[in-house]
Amino acid sequence: MPNQTGGPGKPFWDDRKSIQLTRIVTVAVFAACIVIAFLGPGIVDWLIARGRVAVQGPAVRWVMLGLGYPLAALALWMLYNLYRFLTRLQQGQVFVPATVQALRRIAWCCAIAAAICVPSGAVIYFPFACMGIAAGFMALIVHVIKNAFEQAVKMKDELDYTV
């Protein structure tokens, strides 16, 4: 059985370590998104050359790049807001309006990505549709979490004014 403690009375894994790991992964994914954006033309050319896209023609490359770069921008904006959200959690600023705002932005990024990916996936490249469905579902989940945080902020504010 693995050691479950980090010393006498200390758990090996705690909330602080979990948040820090998530922040590190978020930065790594942010960097990967930037690299993938730079490699976008090559990736699109590779997909077209392998016959992976459903539609052929000279405009397909530009359409895919025209969809890919706004999606990359949305991903970067979403990851930035996630990082800021995690930073606030790590600092103990959980039920504050800025946390709700970050969750709202994350949900909108996912919803807009879904609105772009689902139709384009149905026409050009099917995996886009799958990503869009996942992004849409994620938007719903994050929106529900945002609503819970928003209610908690209101309750905290009411409690602060009561004292």
N, C-alpha and C. Protein backbone atom coordinates (compact mmCIF):
# COMPACT_ATOMS: atom_id res chain seq x y z
N MET A 1 0.85 -1.18 0.00
CA MET A 1 0.00 0.00 0.00
C MET A 1 0.90 1.24 0.00
N PRO A 2 0.64 2.19 -0.92
CA PRO A 2 1.49 3.38 -0.99
C PRO A 2 1.33 4.27 0.24
N ASN A 3 2.36 5.01 0.52
CA ASN A 3 2.34 5.94 1.63
C ASN A 3 1.32 7.04 1.35
N GLN A 4 0.35 7.18 2.22
CA GLN A 4 -0.72 8.16 2.03
C GLN A 4 -0.47 9.45 2.79
N THR A 5 0.67 9.54 3.45
CA THR A 5 0.92 10.75 4.23
C THR A 5 2.21 11.40 3.77
N GLY A 6 2.28 12.68 3.94
CA GLY A 6 3.48 13.44 3.62
C GLY A 6 4.29 13.72 4.87
N GLY A 7 4.08 12.98 5.91
CA GLY A 7 4.76 13.17 7.18
C GLY A 7 3.77 12.94 8.29
N PRO A 8 4.19 13.15 9.50
CA PRO A 8 3.28 12.93 10.64
C PRO A 8 2.05 13.83 10.57
N GLY A 9 0.90 13.23 10.39
CA GLY A 9 -0.36 13.96 10.39
C GLY A 9 -0.65 14.77 9.14
N LYS A 10 0.21 14.69 8.14
CA LYS A 10 0.01 15.45 6.91
C LYS A 10 -0.36 14.51 5.77
N PRO A 11 -1.42 14.80 5.06
CA PRO A 11 -1.75 13.96 3.89
C PRO A 11 -0.74 14.21 2.77
N PHE A 12 -0.47 13.16 2.00
CA PHE A 12 0.47 13.29 0.88
C PHE A 12 -0.06 14.26 -0.17
N TRP A 13 -1.36 14.19 -0.45
CA TRP A 13 -1.98 15.04 -1.47
C TRP A 13 -3.04 15.90 -0.81
N ASP A 14 -3.02 17.19 -1.10
CA ASP A 14 -4.00 18.09 -0.51
C ASP A 14 -4.54 19.05 -1.58
N ASP A 15 -5.47 19.90 -1.18
CA ASP A 15 -6.10 20.85 -2.11
C ASP A 15 -5.08 21.78 -2.75
N ARG A 16 -4.10 22.23 -1.96
CA ARG A 16 -3.09 23.15 -2.47
C ARG A 16 -2.28 22.51 -3.60
N LYS A 17 -1.87 21.26 -3.40
CA LYS A 17 -1.11 20.56 -4.43
C LYS A 17 -1.97 20.30 -5.66
N SER A 18 -3.23 20.00 -5.45
CA SER A 18 -4.14 19.75 -6.57
C SER A 18 -4.31 20.99 -7.43
N ILE A 19 -4.52 22.13 -6.77
CA ILE A 19 -4.67 23.40 -7.51
C ILE A 19 -3.37 23.73 -8.23
N GLN A 20 -2.23 23.53 -7.57
CA GLN A 20 -0.95 23.84 -8.20
C GLN A 20 -0.72 22.96 -9.42
N LEU A 21 -1.03 21.67 -9.33
CA LEU A 21 -0.89 20.78 -10.48
C LEU A 21 -1.79 21.23 -11.62
N THR A 22 -3.01 21.61 -11.32
CA THR A 22 -3.93 22.07 -12.35
C THR A 22 -3.43 23.35 -13.00
N ARG A 23 -2.84 24.24 -12.23
CA ARG A 23 -2.26 25.46 -12.80
C ARG A 23 -1.10 25.13 -13.74
N ILE A 24 -0.26 24.18 -13.35
CA ILE A 24 0.87 23.78 -14.19
C ILE A 24 0.37 23.17 -15.50
N VAL A 25 -0.62 22.29 -15.40
CA VAL A 25 -1.19 21.67 -16.61
C VAL A 25 -1.84 22.73 -17.49
N THR A 26 -2.51 23.71 -16.89
CA THR A 26 -3.14 24.78 -17.65
C THR A 26 -2.09 25.57 -18.43
N VAL A 27 -0.96 25.87 -17.81
CA VAL A 27 0.12 26.59 -18.50
C VAL A 27 0.66 25.73 -19.63
N ALA A 28 0.83 24.44 -19.39
CA ALA A 28 1.34 23.54 -20.43
C ALA A 28 0.38 23.46 -21.62
N VAL A 29 -0.90 23.38 -21.35
CA VAL A 29 -1.89 23.34 -22.43
C VAL A 29 -1.92 24.68 -23.17
N PHE A 30 -1.77 25.77 -22.45
CA PHE A 30 -1.71 27.10 -23.07
C PHE A 30 -0.54 27.15 -24.06
N ALA A 31 0.63 26.68 -23.60
CA ALA A 31 1.81 26.66 -24.48
C ALA A 31 1.58 25.74 -25.68
N ALA A 32 0.96 24.59 -25.45
CA ALA A 32 0.67 23.66 -26.55
C ALA A 32 -0.27 24.30 -27.56
N CYS A 33 -1.25 25.06 -27.10
CA CYS A 33 -2.18 25.75 -28.00
C CYS A 33 -1.44 26.75 -28.89
N ILE A 34 -0.48 27.45 -28.31
CA ILE A 34 0.29 28.41 -29.10
C ILE A 34 1.10 27.68 -30.17
N VAL A 35 1.75 26.58 -29.78
CA VAL A 35 2.54 25.80 -30.75
C VAL A 35 1.64 25.26 -31.86
N ILE A 36 0.49 24.72 -31.48
CA ILE A 36 -0.43 24.17 -32.47
C ILE A 36 -0.95 25.27 -33.40
N ALA A 37 -1.18 26.46 -32.86
CA ALA A 37 -1.62 27.57 -33.71
C ALA A 37 -0.56 27.92 -34.75
N PHE A 38 0.70 27.92 -34.33
CA PHE A 38 1.78 28.18 -35.30
C PHE A 38 1.90 27.07 -36.33
N LEU A 39 1.61 25.85 -35.92
CA LEU A 39 1.68 24.70 -36.83
C LEU A 39 0.38 24.50 -37.61
N GLY A 40 -0.60 25.36 -37.38
CA GLY A 40 -1.92 25.22 -38.01
C GLY A 40 -1.91 24.98 -39.50
N PRO A 41 -1.21 25.79 -40.29
CA PRO A 41 -1.20 25.55 -41.73
C PRO A 41 -0.68 24.16 -42.10
N GLY A 42 0.35 23.71 -41.42
CA GLY A 42 0.89 22.37 -41.69
C GLY A 42 -0.08 21.28 -41.30
N ILE A 43 -0.76 21.46 -40.17
CA ILE A 43 -1.73 20.46 -39.72
C ILE A 43 -2.89 20.38 -40.71
N VAL A 44 -3.38 21.54 -41.15
CA VAL A 44 -4.48 21.57 -42.11
C VAL A 44 -4.05 20.92 -43.43
N ASP A 45 -2.86 21.25 -43.91
CA ASP A 45 -2.36 20.65 -45.14
C ASP A 45 -2.25 19.13 -45.01
N TRP A 46 -1.79 18.67 -43.85
CA TRP A 46 -1.67 17.24 -43.61
C TRP A 46 -3.05 16.56 -43.65
N LEU A 47 -4.04 17.18 -42.99
CA LEU A 47 -5.39 16.61 -42.99
C LEU A 47 -5.96 16.55 -44.40
N ILE A 48 -5.76 17.60 -45.18
CA ILE A 48 -6.28 17.64 -46.55
C ILE A 48 -5.56 16.61 -47.40
N ALA A 49 -4.23 16.52 -47.29
CA ALA A 49 -3.45 15.58 -48.10
C ALA A 49 -3.83 14.14 -47.79
N ARG A 50 -4.21 13.83 -46.58
CA ARG A 50 -4.58 12.47 -46.20
C ARG A 50 -6.04 12.16 -46.49
N GLY A 51 -6.76 13.13 -47.04
CA GLY A 51 -8.17 12.91 -47.35
C GLY A 51 -9.05 12.82 -46.13
N ARG A 52 -8.65 13.46 -45.06
CA ARG A 52 -9.41 13.40 -43.79
C ARG A 52 -10.62 14.34 -43.77
N VAL A 53 -10.65 15.32 -44.64
CA VAL A 53 -11.76 16.27 -44.65
C VAL A 53 -12.83 15.80 -45.62
N ALA A 54 -14.07 16.11 -45.32
CA ALA A 54 -15.19 15.63 -46.12
C ALA A 54 -15.37 16.42 -47.41
N VAL A 55 -14.91 17.67 -47.42
CA VAL A 55 -15.09 18.54 -48.57
C VAL A 55 -13.72 18.81 -49.19
N GLN A 56 -13.65 18.83 -50.49
CA GLN A 56 -12.38 19.11 -51.17
C GLN A 56 -12.51 20.42 -51.94
N GLY A 57 -11.38 21.01 -52.24
CA GLY A 57 -11.37 22.25 -53.01
C GLY A 57 -10.33 23.20 -52.45
N PRO A 58 -10.00 24.21 -53.23
CA PRO A 58 -8.95 25.15 -52.80
C PRO A 58 -9.33 25.99 -51.60
N ALA A 59 -10.61 26.22 -51.39
CA ALA A 59 -11.03 27.09 -50.29
C ALA A 59 -11.06 26.36 -48.94
N VAL A 60 -11.01 25.02 -48.97
CA VAL A 60 -11.12 24.26 -47.72
C VAL A 60 -10.00 24.62 -46.75
N ARG A 61 -8.80 24.76 -47.26
CA ARG A 61 -7.66 25.11 -46.40
C ARG A 61 -7.93 26.42 -45.68
N TRP A 62 -8.39 27.42 -46.41
CA TRP A 62 -8.62 28.73 -45.81
C TRP A 62 -9.81 28.73 -44.86
N VAL A 63 -10.80 27.93 -45.18
CA VAL A 63 -11.95 27.82 -44.27
C VAL A 63 -11.52 27.17 -42.96
N MET A 64 -10.74 26.09 -43.06
CA MET A 64 -10.28 25.42 -41.84
C MET A 64 -9.38 26.32 -41.00
N LEU A 65 -8.49 27.05 -41.66
CA LEU A 65 -7.64 27.98 -40.92
C LEU A 65 -8.49 29.12 -40.35
N GLY A 66 -9.47 29.57 -41.11
CA GLY A 66 -10.36 30.63 -40.65
C GLY A 66 -11.20 30.22 -39.46
N LEU A 67 -11.45 28.93 -39.33
CA LEU A 67 -12.15 28.41 -38.14
C LEU A 67 -11.17 28.12 -37.01
N GLY A 68 -9.99 27.64 -37.39
CA GLY A 68 -9.02 27.22 -36.38
C GLY A 68 -8.46 28.34 -35.54
N TYR A 69 -8.16 29.46 -36.18
CA TYR A 69 -7.55 30.55 -35.41
C TYR A 69 -8.51 31.20 -34.41
N PRO A 70 -9.77 31.44 -34.76
CA PRO A 70 -10.69 31.92 -33.72
C PRO A 70 -10.87 30.90 -32.59
N LEU A 71 -10.87 29.61 -32.94
CA LEU A 71 -10.97 28.58 -31.90
C LEU A 71 -9.74 28.59 -31.01
N ALA A 72 -8.57 28.81 -31.60
CA ALA A 72 -7.34 28.90 -30.80
C ALA A 72 -7.41 30.11 -29.87
N ALA A 73 -7.90 31.22 -30.37
CA ALA A 73 -8.04 32.42 -29.53
C ALA A 73 -9.00 32.16 -28.38
N LEU A 74 -10.11 31.49 -28.65
CA LEU A 74 -11.06 31.14 -27.59
C LEU A 74 -10.41 30.21 -26.56
N ALA A 75 -9.65 29.24 -27.04
CA ALA A 75 -8.98 28.31 -26.12
C ALA A 75 -8.00 29.06 -25.22
N LEU A 76 -7.22 29.96 -25.80
CA LEU A 76 -6.26 30.72 -25.01
C LEU A 76 -6.95 31.62 -23.99
N TRP A 77 -8.03 32.27 -24.40
CA TRP A 77 -8.78 33.14 -23.49
C TRP A 77 -9.40 32.31 -22.36
N MET A 78 -9.93 31.14 -22.70
CA MET A 78 -10.52 30.26 -21.70
C MET A 78 -9.45 29.78 -20.71
N LEU A 79 -8.28 29.37 -21.23
CA LEU A 79 -7.21 28.89 -20.36
C LEU A 79 -6.67 30.00 -19.46
N TYR A 80 -6.58 31.21 -19.99
CA TYR A 80 -6.16 32.35 -19.18
C TYR A 80 -7.13 32.57 -18.02
N ASN A 81 -8.43 32.52 -18.31
CA ASN A 81 -9.44 32.70 -17.26
C ASN A 81 -9.43 31.55 -16.27
N LEU A 82 -9.17 30.35 -16.75
CA LEU A 82 -9.06 29.20 -15.84
C LEU A 82 -7.86 29.38 -14.91
N TYR A 83 -6.74 29.83 -15.46
CA TYR A 83 -5.56 30.06 -14.64
C TYR A 83 -5.83 31.12 -13.57
N ARG A 84 -6.48 32.20 -13.95
CA ARG A 84 -6.82 33.26 -12.98
C ARG A 84 -7.79 32.73 -11.91
N PHE A 85 -8.75 31.92 -12.33
CA PHE A 85 -9.69 31.29 -11.41
C PHE A 85 -8.94 30.44 -10.39
N LEU A 86 -8.02 29.61 -10.88
CA LEU A 86 -7.25 28.73 -10.00
C LEU A 86 -6.35 29.53 -9.06
N THR A 87 -5.79 30.63 -9.56
CA THR A 87 -4.96 31.49 -8.72
C THR A 87 -5.78 32.06 -7.57
N ARG A 88 -6.98 32.50 -7.87
CA ARG A 88 -7.85 33.04 -6.81
C ARG A 88 -8.18 31.95 -5.79
N LEU A 89 -8.47 30.74 -6.27
CA LEU A 89 -8.76 29.65 -5.33
C LEU A 89 -7.56 29.40 -4.43
N GLN A 90 -6.38 29.39 -5.02
CA GLN A 90 -5.18 29.13 -4.24
C GLN A 90 -4.95 30.23 -3.20
N GLN A 91 -5.35 31.45 -3.50
CA GLN A 91 -5.19 32.57 -2.57
C GLN A 91 -6.33 32.64 -1.56
N GLY A 92 -7.30 31.74 -1.67
CA GLY A 92 -8.42 31.74 -0.74
C GLY A 92 -9.53 32.69 -1.12
N GLN A 93 -9.47 33.29 -2.30
CA GLN A 93 -10.51 34.19 -2.78
C GLN A 93 -11.53 33.38 -3.59
N VAL A 94 -12.34 32.64 -2.88
CA VAL A 94 -13.25 31.71 -3.56
C VAL A 94 -14.55 32.38 -3.96
N PHE A 95 -15.24 32.95 -3.00
CA PHE A 95 -16.57 33.51 -3.27
C PHE A 95 -16.49 35.02 -3.46
N VAL A 96 -15.86 35.41 -4.57
CA VAL A 96 -15.72 36.81 -4.94
C VAL A 96 -16.26 36.99 -6.35
N PRO A 97 -16.72 38.19 -6.70
CA PRO A 97 -17.27 38.41 -8.04
C PRO A 97 -16.30 38.08 -9.18
N ALA A 98 -15.00 38.27 -8.97
CA ALA A 98 -14.04 37.97 -10.03
C ALA A 98 -14.02 36.48 -10.38
N THR A 99 -14.26 35.65 -9.39
CA THR A 99 -14.33 34.20 -9.64
C THR A 99 -15.55 33.87 -10.49
N VAL A 100 -16.66 34.48 -10.19
CA VAL A 100 -17.88 34.28 -10.98
C VAL A 100 -17.66 34.77 -12.41
N GLN A 101 -17.01 35.92 -12.56
CA GLN A 101 -16.73 36.46 -13.89
C GLN A 101 -15.85 35.52 -14.69
N ALA A 102 -14.83 34.94 -14.07
CA ALA A 102 -13.95 34.00 -14.77
C ALA A 102 -14.73 32.77 -15.23
N LEU A 103 -15.59 32.25 -14.37
CA LEU A 103 -16.41 31.10 -14.76
C LEU A 103 -17.37 31.45 -15.89
N ARG A 104 -17.93 32.66 -15.85
CA ARG A 104 -18.82 33.11 -16.93
C ARG A 104 -18.06 33.14 -18.26
N ARG A 105 -16.85 33.69 -18.24
CA ARG A 105 -16.04 33.76 -19.47
C ARG A 105 -15.68 32.36 -19.98
N ILE A 106 -15.33 31.47 -19.07
CA ILE A 106 -15.00 30.10 -19.47
C ILE A 106 -16.20 29.45 -20.14
N ALA A 107 -17.38 29.61 -19.54
CA ALA A 107 -18.59 29.02 -20.10
C ALA A 107 -18.88 29.59 -21.50
N TRP A 108 -18.72 30.91 -21.66
CA TRP A 108 -18.97 31.53 -22.96
C TRP A 108 -17.97 31.06 -24.01
N CYS A 109 -16.71 30.92 -23.62
CA CYS A 109 -15.71 30.40 -24.57
C CYS A 109 -16.11 29.00 -25.05
N CYS A 110 -16.53 28.17 -24.14
CA CYS A 110 -16.94 26.81 -24.51
C CYS A 110 -18.18 26.85 -25.41
N ALA A 111 -19.14 27.71 -25.08
CA ALA A 111 -20.37 27.79 -25.88
C ALA A 111 -20.08 28.30 -27.29
N ILE A 112 -19.24 29.31 -27.41
CA ILE A 112 -18.90 29.84 -28.75
C ILE A 112 -18.13 28.80 -29.54
N ALA A 113 -17.22 28.10 -28.89
CA ALA A 113 -16.47 27.04 -29.58
C ALA A 113 -17.43 25.96 -30.08
N ALA A 114 -18.42 25.61 -29.28
CA ALA A 114 -19.42 24.62 -29.70
C ALA A 114 -20.20 25.12 -30.91
N ALA A 115 -20.57 26.40 -30.88
CA ALA A 115 -21.33 26.98 -32.00
C ALA A 115 -20.52 26.99 -33.29
N ILE A 116 -19.20 27.08 -33.18
CA ILE A 116 -18.35 27.04 -34.37
C ILE A 116 -18.09 25.61 -34.81
N CYS A 117 -17.80 24.74 -33.86
CA CYS A 117 -17.36 23.38 -34.19
C CYS A 117 -18.46 22.45 -34.70
N VAL A 118 -19.64 22.51 -34.09
CA VAL A 118 -20.68 21.54 -34.48
C VAL A 118 -21.07 21.69 -35.94
N PRO A 119 -21.43 22.88 -36.43
CA PRO A 119 -21.80 22.97 -37.85
C PRO A 119 -20.63 22.68 -38.80
N SER A 120 -19.45 23.18 -38.46
CA SER A 120 -18.31 22.94 -39.35
C SER A 120 -17.92 21.47 -39.34
N GLY A 121 -18.09 20.81 -38.21
CA GLY A 121 -17.80 19.39 -38.14
C GLY A 121 -18.78 18.56 -38.95
N ALA A 122 -20.00 19.02 -39.02
CA ALA A 122 -21.00 18.30 -39.81
C ALA A 122 -20.71 18.40 -41.30
N VAL A 123 -20.02 19.45 -41.72
CA VAL A 123 -19.77 19.66 -43.14
C VAL A 123 -18.34 19.31 -43.55
N ILE A 124 -17.36 19.75 -42.77
CA ILE A 124 -15.96 19.67 -43.22
C ILE A 124 -15.19 18.51 -42.60
N TYR A 125 -15.17 18.44 -41.27
CA TYR A 125 -14.30 17.49 -40.59
C TYR A 125 -15.02 17.00 -39.34
N PHE A 126 -15.49 15.76 -39.36
CA PHE A 126 -16.36 15.23 -38.32
C PHE A 126 -15.82 15.39 -36.89
N PRO A 127 -14.51 15.17 -36.64
CA PRO A 127 -14.04 15.37 -35.26
C PRO A 127 -14.31 16.76 -34.69
N PHE A 128 -14.45 17.78 -35.56
CA PHE A 128 -14.85 19.11 -35.07
C PHE A 128 -16.22 19.03 -34.38
N ALA A 129 -17.13 18.26 -34.97
CA ALA A 129 -18.47 18.13 -34.37
C ALA A 129 -18.38 17.47 -33.00
N CYS A 130 -17.54 16.45 -32.88
CA CYS A 130 -17.37 15.79 -31.58
C CYS A 130 -16.80 16.75 -30.55
N MET A 131 -15.81 17.53 -30.96
CA MET A 131 -15.23 18.53 -30.05
C MET A 131 -16.28 19.58 -29.69
N GLY A 132 -17.10 19.95 -30.66
CA GLY A 132 -18.13 20.93 -30.40
C GLY A 132 -19.17 20.45 -29.41
N ILE A 133 -19.56 19.19 -29.54
CA ILE A 133 -20.53 18.62 -28.59
C ILE A 133 -19.92 18.60 -27.19
N ALA A 134 -18.65 18.20 -27.09
CA ALA A 134 -17.97 18.20 -25.79
C ALA A 134 -17.88 19.62 -25.22
N ALA A 135 -17.55 20.58 -26.07
CA ALA A 135 -17.46 21.98 -25.62
C ALA A 135 -18.81 22.50 -25.17
N GLY A 136 -19.86 22.15 -25.89
CA GLY A 136 -21.20 22.57 -25.49
C GLY A 136 -21.60 21.99 -24.15
N PHE A 137 -21.30 20.71 -23.94
CA PHE A 137 -21.61 20.08 -22.66
C PHE A 137 -20.79 20.74 -21.55
N MET A 138 -19.53 21.03 -21.84
CA MET A 138 -18.68 21.69 -20.85
C MET A 138 -19.23 23.08 -20.51
N ALA A 139 -19.73 23.78 -21.51
CA ALA A 139 -20.33 25.10 -21.27
C ALA A 139 -21.48 24.99 -20.28
N LEU A 140 -22.30 23.97 -20.44
CA LEU A 140 -23.43 23.78 -19.52
C LEU A 140 -22.95 23.49 -18.10
N ILE A 141 -21.97 22.62 -17.98
CA ILE A 141 -21.45 22.28 -16.65
C ILE A 141 -20.84 23.51 -15.97
N VAL A 142 -20.00 24.24 -16.69
CA VAL A 142 -19.35 25.41 -16.11
C VAL A 142 -20.39 26.47 -15.76
N HIS A 143 -21.43 26.60 -16.59
CA HIS A 143 -22.49 27.58 -16.31
C HIS A 143 -23.22 27.23 -15.01
N VAL A 144 -23.48 25.97 -14.78
CA VAL A 144 -24.13 25.55 -13.54
C VAL A 144 -23.22 25.85 -12.35
N ILE A 145 -21.93 25.55 -12.48
CA ILE A 145 -20.98 25.84 -11.41
C ILE A 145 -20.90 27.35 -11.17
N LYS A 146 -20.93 28.13 -12.27
CA LYS A 146 -20.92 29.60 -12.15
C LYS A 146 -22.14 30.07 -11.37
N ASN A 147 -23.30 29.49 -11.65
CA ASN A 147 -24.52 29.87 -10.93
C ASN A 147 -24.40 29.56 -9.44
N ALA A 148 -23.80 28.42 -9.10
CA ALA A 148 -23.62 28.07 -7.69
C ALA A 148 -22.67 29.06 -7.02
N PHE A 149 -21.57 29.40 -7.69
CA PHE A 149 -20.64 30.38 -7.14
C PHE A 149 -21.31 31.75 -6.99
N GLU A 150 -22.13 32.11 -7.96
CA GLU A 150 -22.82 33.41 -7.91
C GLU A 150 -23.75 33.48 -6.71
N GLN A 151 -24.47 32.39 -6.44
CA GLN A 151 -25.35 32.35 -5.28
C GLN A 151 -24.53 32.42 -3.99
N ALA A 152 -23.40 31.74 -3.97
CA ALA A 152 -22.54 31.77 -2.78
C ALA A 152 -21.98 33.17 -2.53
N VAL A 153 -21.63 33.88 -3.60
CA VAL A 153 -21.14 35.26 -3.45
C VAL A 153 -22.24 36.13 -2.86
N LYS A 154 -23.48 35.98 -3.36
CA LYS A 154 -24.60 36.76 -2.81
C LYS A 154 -24.82 36.45 -1.34
N MET A 155 -24.77 35.16 -1.00
CA MET A 155 -24.97 34.77 0.40
C MET A 155 -23.85 35.32 1.28
N LYS A 156 -22.61 35.27 0.80
CA LYS A 156 -21.47 35.81 1.55
C LYS A 156 -21.63 37.31 1.75
N ASP A 157 -22.04 38.00 0.70
CA ASP A 157 -22.24 39.46 0.81
C ASP A 157 -23.33 39.77 1.85
N GLU A 158 -24.41 39.01 1.81
CA GLU A 158 -25.49 39.24 2.79
C GLU A 158 -24.99 38.98 4.20
N LEU A 159 -24.21 37.93 4.37
CA LEU A 159 -23.65 37.62 5.69
C LEU A 159 -22.70 38.72 6.15
N ASP A 160 -21.87 39.23 5.24
CA ASP A 160 -20.94 40.30 5.60
C ASP A 160 -21.67 41.56 6.04
N TYR A 161 -22.81 41.86 5.42
CA TYR A 161 -23.58 43.06 5.79
C TYR A 161 -24.40 42.85 7.05
N THR A 162 -24.66 41.60 7.40
CA THR A 162 -25.46 41.32 8.59
C THR A 162 -24.67 41.57 9.86
N VAL A 163 -23.40 41.30 9.82
CA VAL A 163 -22.56 41.42 11.02
C VAL A 163 -22.33 42.84 11.41
